[in-house]
């Protein structure tokens, strides 16, 4: 039987307690700041413990058995996704010197093929044809061949030497984000060096291609060293060129667009520093642009005989300045452009005739062009605003590696408009569509609608909310809905198009994004209002949005919620606070045992995260505020929504321990009837933080999750 009002099943499928796994309990306790806490599942910290692997296996078996009836729906969802995708396709070619670089996907193949073909001088970007074989093509990396029989495969670096002769490719076949670098001669495919293993993201050649710089991780998976390697030599002869000893700081390695400099960027959550080295002097001395000062963040772009610097010295939302090319002090920074109210400056990119500022304005990413003017003291004329493309359209720079280009490759998309690439003359505004993401079948953008709304939070602040739906869905409070959010690290949950999401929308689901504080949607102040001791704001914002859409857009008992990683912490905290707002919750690789993790400085990422969450080990106040919201610590005897915790065994960012402990405690305390509101743990045994790596595997994973969601919302039947 089905309830006419809600569409939810009243006659649940059978489930007996004997089917539900029970995690072993082992006596364990911690005492911090005089507070003693019992934790019978602390033993799960050891990911190699046979009992943990057995428990994860039992949970997977239970999840599969409990959802076996959904197998046909999973198949339907997978086929819906697949049927909308042009499986053999070509990315937008990127011109760099004598070559067009691109990637291809092949029908039936999991991974892209990275390749290039010759480029004629003055040749316009070629037309896109995903089916045709590209004449003169040279393969850089065939992901399918490299993946071989591995269940997981990802690429961490894909770097071509300045003379376009060598390729350095870093690959990971476990999901732990440690990569093995292989250097090949592109023309012949011959491996010339495979000495560098177990390294981090990023690799850069010097100007000659004779040396390769790479990043090494410490035992906590923090990028903390840069080494110089002479191609073809033994790794034992490599030279350490930079080491970061402050455990709060991470680092990145790159090169300037004009290929004159190699660049090391180091930063914590609140402080940064940049180092430069002439690319033609690989054994020279790295130069610090400006020594770090606590609370000062800056980013550098070489610009001819000077540097452009984005910094927050006087303005938390950042300003643009310039400095002499060989500057070594912030005292040299001269103002160019100040961010206006409602703006957040993010990045500056320079080209021969102009610079392009990436920024956030009114909650969305956009661009601003600064035409060059030699007569101006700043070197630029009046900024040219970028035309708005829609209420919820994101605008950004795509890859533009050549400094002398007269046209920019720009990307635009929204929740209902597929991603599109344009070649744009930034001075005249003339544009040419290069490629729009193909969506096969009967897709019609006009059949869908998106809107920005505002919800008043508990403290009176207006929270932006994105609502996505089919055009024929009206706000009468009868629809099923899914509310998602993130709210951490100043990361913005911006509009993006998803082929897979269409399967929800076509079933009448209203998809809602709560742009809660802790994220970066409204700038740095938005982030600051949702971190450290104010972190609870993230959760109360989310609940406020849930309350606002229930009874308006969504039926009060047909709302689901979803979040991943730090967004999974959001979901876990909200379920403890307001479980009655939701019928079902999906938590992907959820950071739900946050307090325990932040108390262990030996765990991956912990020390660097203290500026985000607080240091509960050294600061009693931080302990108190984290203990008040940490999802695992606050599970209580109450009825929860149906819950799916999805995780990966080899995730090094959020250890599988966290969702495993969380589910074990939920099983002990939650008052759920497992027949109607199951709590499931689904672990990918060969995957990392982003889940399964092959595109077909990823679609199957989405279908698995969404079949559970749709079933709980009473939507297991095909869409009308």
Foldseek 3Di string as FASTA:
>chain_A
DADPQQLADPDFDDDDPVLDDFQAFDWDWDAFPNDIDTFRLPVVVPLPPPSNVVRQVSQQVSLCVLCVVLVVLLVVLLVLLVQFAPQQWKDFFADDPQKTWIWTGDPPAFDIWTKIAGDDVPDDRDAIDRPDDDPRIFTQDDQRVVLPPAQFKDWQDWDAANVRQKTWIWMDRFFQQFTFIWIAGRVVRHTQDRQRGRAHHDKYAFNVNQKIKGFHADLLRAGFWIWIDGTNDHPVPIGTQGGDPQVLKGKDWDAALVRQWTKIWIDFLFKIWMWIDGSVCVVDHIATQADIDGRKDKDWHDDVQKIWMWIPPPHQLTFIWIAGNRHYHPVRTHGDGDDDAQKHWDDWHAADFWIKTWIAHNLAIAIKIWGADCVDPRRTDDIHGDDDDDPQKHKDFDDHSHRHDQWTWIWIAFALFFIWTWTARVVVGDIDTRDGRGTDDPRDSLQKDKDWDWFQFPVRDTWIKIKIAGPPQFFQQRFAEEEEEAQASQAFPGGHYDSSCVQVRLQRYIYMYTRQACHNRRHDVSNVCCFALNVCSRQRSSVRVLVVSRRTRHPQARYEYEYEASRLLSVLQNQLVCQSRYQEYEYELYQQQVLVQLLDPSARPNVSCCVGQHRVNVDVSSSVSCCVRRNQNRQAQEAHHQYEYEYECSARRRHPSRVVSSLSVCVVRYPDDCSLRNHGYHYHDRHYRVGGHGPSNVSSVVSSVVSVSCSSSSRSDRRD
